[in-house]
Amino acid sequence: SKDLKGAMEILIEQKRKKLSTVEKLDEHMDFASQLIFAQNRGDLTAENVNQCVLEMMIAAPDTLSVTLFFMLMLIAEHPTVEEEMMKEIETVMGKQELQS
């Protein structure tokens, strides 16, 4: 747990440095970025940020299957979205075989 916490702190610091050098913030506004900015405003402590990100990483496997289920159900209910996704996959992958 201590090793994981240390690794998470390193990753958050790398994210913080990346945010300080980007030109357009809107392209990099994910959950971790929002937490870092909340800390910069004084709304959260560094420990709060580290704990939130760590909990998201640990909780992710438990919620991933449910998230994937709902994502696949929504795609199945919206065939035009599925077509657009397939076009994008073909554009990016070309003739390469898809891998997990």
Protein backbone atom coordinates (compact mmCIF):
# COMPACT_ATOMS: atom_id res chain seq x y z
CA SER A 1 0.00 0.00 0.00
CA LYS A 2 2.87 2.36 0.84
CA ASP A 3 4.56 1.60 -2.51
CA LEU A 4 1.30 2.20 -4.38
CA LYS A 5 0.77 5.49 -2.56
CA GLY A 6 4.32 6.60 -3.42
CA ALA A 7 3.88 5.67 -7.06
CA MET A 8 0.59 7.58 -7.17
CA GLU A 9 2.27 10.68 -5.75
CA ILE A 10 4.91 10.50 -8.49
CA LEU A 11 2.24 10.18 -11.20
CA ILE A 12 0.26 13.12 -9.79
CA GLU A 13 3.41 15.26 -9.73
CA GLN A 14 4.10 14.33 -13.37
CA LYS A 15 0.52 15.32 -14.24
CA ARG A 16 0.95 18.61 -12.36
CA LYS A 17 4.12 19.41 -14.36
CA LYS A 18 2.40 18.51 -17.64
CA LEU A 19 -0.53 20.81 -16.82
CA SER A 20 1.85 23.68 -16.17
CA THR A 21 3.26 23.43 -19.71
CA VAL A 22 0.18 22.83 -21.88
CA GLU A 23 -1.16 25.62 -24.06
CA LYS A 24 -4.83 24.56 -24.14
CA LEU A 25 -6.11 23.33 -20.81
CA ASP A 26 -9.49 22.23 -22.14
CA GLU A 27 -7.83 19.30 -23.93
CA HIS A 28 -6.35 18.03 -20.65
CA MET A 29 -9.22 18.53 -18.19
CA ASP A 30 -9.73 15.08 -16.77
CA PHE A 31 -10.60 14.09 -13.21
CA ALA A 32 -7.01 14.26 -11.93
CA SER A 33 -6.58 17.71 -13.49
CA GLN A 34 -9.72 18.96 -11.79
CA LEU A 35 -8.41 17.70 -8.44
CA ILE A 36 -5.03 19.38 -8.99
CA PHE A 37 -6.71 22.70 -9.81
CA ALA A 38 -8.91 22.36 -6.73
CA GLN A 39 -5.74 21.96 -4.68
CA ASN A 40 -4.22 25.02 -6.39
CA ARG A 41 -7.31 27.03 -5.38
CA GLY A 42 -6.98 25.81 -1.80
CA ASP A 43 -10.14 23.68 -1.90
CA LEU A 44 -8.20 20.43 -1.35
CA THR A 45 -4.92 19.42 0.24
CA ALA A 46 -2.23 17.41 -1.56
CA GLU A 47 -3.23 14.45 0.62
CA ASN A 48 -6.87 14.83 -0.52
CA VAL A 49 -5.79 14.77 -4.17
CA ASN A 50 -3.54 11.73 -3.66
CA GLN A 51 -6.26 9.86 -1.77
CA CYS A 52 -8.94 10.59 -4.39
CA VAL A 53 -6.77 9.41 -7.27
CA LEU A 54 -5.64 6.33 -5.33
CA GLU A 55 -9.25 5.41 -4.53
CA MET A 56 -10.22 5.85 -8.18
CA MET A 57 -7.43 3.48 -9.22
CA ILE A 58 -8.33 0.87 -6.62
CA ALA A 59 -12.08 1.08 -7.21
CA ALA A 60 -11.83 0.99 -11.00
CA PRO A 61 -11.74 -2.81 -11.47
CA ASP A 62 -14.95 -3.21 -9.44
CA THR A 63 -16.88 -0.70 -11.49
CA LEU A 64 -15.30 -1.39 -14.87
CA SER A 65 -17.52 -4.34 -15.73
CA VAL A 66 -20.69 -2.36 -14.98
CA THR A 67 -19.42 0.62 -16.98
CA LEU A 68 -18.55 -1.57 -19.97
CA PHE A 69 -21.96 -3.25 -19.83
CA PHE A 70 -23.79 0.09 -19.97
CA MET A 71 -21.45 1.40 -22.68
CA LEU A 72 -22.14 -1.65 -24.85
CA MET A 73 -25.90 -1.38 -24.23
CA LEU A 74 -25.86 2.30 -25.28
CA ILE A 75 -23.85 1.49 -28.40
CA ALA A 76 -26.32 -1.29 -29.28
CA GLU A 77 -29.21 1.16 -28.89
CA HIS A 78 -27.56 3.76 -31.18
CA PRO A 79 -26.45 2.07 -34.43
CA THR A 80 -25.26 5.35 -35.99
CA VAL A 81 -22.82 5.81 -33.09
CA GLU A 82 -21.62 2.24 -33.62
CA GLU A 83 -21.05 2.96 -37.32
CA GLU A 84 -19.03 6.08 -36.50
CA MET A 85 -16.95 4.14 -33.97
CA MET A 86 -16.23 1.41 -36.52
CA LYS A 87 -15.21 4.01 -39.11
CA GLU A 88 -12.81 5.59 -36.64
CA ILE A 89 -11.33 2.21 -35.71
CA GLU A 90 -10.83 1.41 -39.40
CA THR A 91 -9.25 4.84 -40.00
CA VAL A 92 -6.80 4.41 -37.14
CA MET A 93 -6.06 0.70 -37.53
CA GLY A 94 -6.25 0.33 -41.30
CA LYS A 95 -5.69 -3.32 -42.23
CA GLN A 96 -4.05 -4.17 -38.89
CA GLU A 97 -5.72 -6.87 -36.84
CA LEU A 98 -7.42 -5.61 -33.67
CA GLN A 99 -5.95 -6.77 -30.36
CA SER A 100 -7.25 -6.42 -26.84
